[in-house]
């Protein structure tokens, strides 16, 4: 898939549309862009949690109590 050509085209002797090096750079760029977006999202969630730290304590406690009630009832 990196070469830009499928197995059937290789069997018939067709050549790749672009170089393997260029394709690998494109894949690397897309993977790094994905990591960058995940990092930005994690940073945004972390900033949100820091800004709303006083609200998160009671909410987290309520979630723990809710999970404990559903676990003991099940």
Protein backbone atom coordinates (compact mmCIF):
# COMPACT_ATOMS: atom_id res chain seq x y z
CA UNK A 1 0.00 0.00 0.00
CA UNK A 2 2.90 2.38 0.62
CA UNK A 3 4.04 2.04 -2.96
CA UNK A 4 0.68 3.30 -4.26
CA UNK A 5 0.05 0.15 -6.26
CA UNK A 6 -1.92 -2.97 -5.46
CA UNK A 7 -0.90 -6.61 -5.68
CA UNK A 8 -2.79 -7.17 -8.94
CA UNK A 9 -1.02 -4.27 -10.62
CA UNK A 10 2.34 -5.60 -9.44
CA UNK A 11 1.52 -9.02 -10.92
CA UNK A 12 0.75 -7.46 -14.30
CA UNK A 13 4.02 -5.52 -14.24
CA UNK A 14 2.70 -2.00 -13.74
CA UNK A 15 4.97 0.48 -12.01
CA UNK A 16 4.11 2.55 -8.97
CA UNK A 17 2.72 6.06 -9.49
CA UNK A 18 5.16 7.65 -7.05
CA UNK A 19 8.25 6.71 -5.14
CA UNK A 20 8.21 4.67 -1.98
CA UNK A 21 10.15 7.39 -0.19
CA UNK A 22 7.52 10.04 -0.97
CA UNK A 23 4.72 7.71 0.13
CA UNK A 24 6.49 6.89 3.39
CA UNK A 25 6.95 10.60 4.10
CA UNK A 26 3.22 11.12 3.55
CA UNK A 27 2.34 8.31 5.94
CA UNK A 28 4.77 9.67 8.52
CA UNK A 29 3.25 13.13 8.19
CA UNK A 30 -0.31 11.81 8.68
CA UNK A 31 0.70 9.77 11.74
CA UNK A 32 2.51 12.72 13.32
CA UNK A 33 -0.45 14.99 12.58
CA UNK A 34 -2.71 12.49 14.37
CA UNK A 35 -0.42 12.44 17.41
CA UNK A 36 -0.36 16.23 17.39
CA UNK A 37 -4.16 16.36 17.42
CA UNK A 38 -4.39 13.81 20.24
CA UNK A 39 -1.87 15.81 22.25
CA UNK A 40 -3.80 19.04 21.69
CA UNK A 41 -7.04 17.37 22.74
CA UNK A 42 -5.45 15.93 25.89
CA UNK A 43 -4.02 19.35 26.73
CA UNK A 44 -7.43 20.97 26.28
CA UNK A 45 -9.08 18.38 28.55
CA UNK A 46 -6.34 18.89 31.14
CA UNK A 47 -6.78 22.66 31.08
CA UNK A 48 -10.55 22.26 31.42
CA UNK A 49 -10.12 19.96 34.43
CA UNK A 50 -7.65 22.37 36.06
CA UNK A 51 -10.00 25.32 35.58
CA UNK A 52 -12.97 23.41 37.00
CA UNK A 53 -11.14 21.57 39.77
CA UNK A 54 -13.59 22.67 42.48
CA UNK A 55 -16.55 21.31 40.51
CA UNK A 56 -14.83 18.04 39.62
CA UNK A 57 -14.51 16.83 43.23
CA UNK A 58 -18.23 16.53 43.94
CA UNK A 59 -18.94 15.23 40.43
CA UNK A 60 -16.27 12.53 40.78
CA UNK A 61 -17.63 11.59 44.21
CA UNK A 62 -21.15 11.27 42.80
CA UNK A 63 -19.88 9.06 39.96
CA UNK A 64 -18.05 6.81 42.43
CA UNK A 65 -21.16 6.51 44.59
CA UNK A 66 -23.27 5.77 41.50
CA UNK A 67 -20.87 3.05 40.37
CA UNK A 68 -20.80 1.56 43.88
CA UNK A 69 -24.61 1.44 44.01
CA UNK A 70 -24.95 -0.17 40.60
CA UNK A 71 -22.16 -2.66 41.34
CA UNK A 72 -23.66 -3.76 44.65
CA UNK A 73 -27.16 -4.02 43.14
CA UNK A 74 -26.01 -6.15 40.20
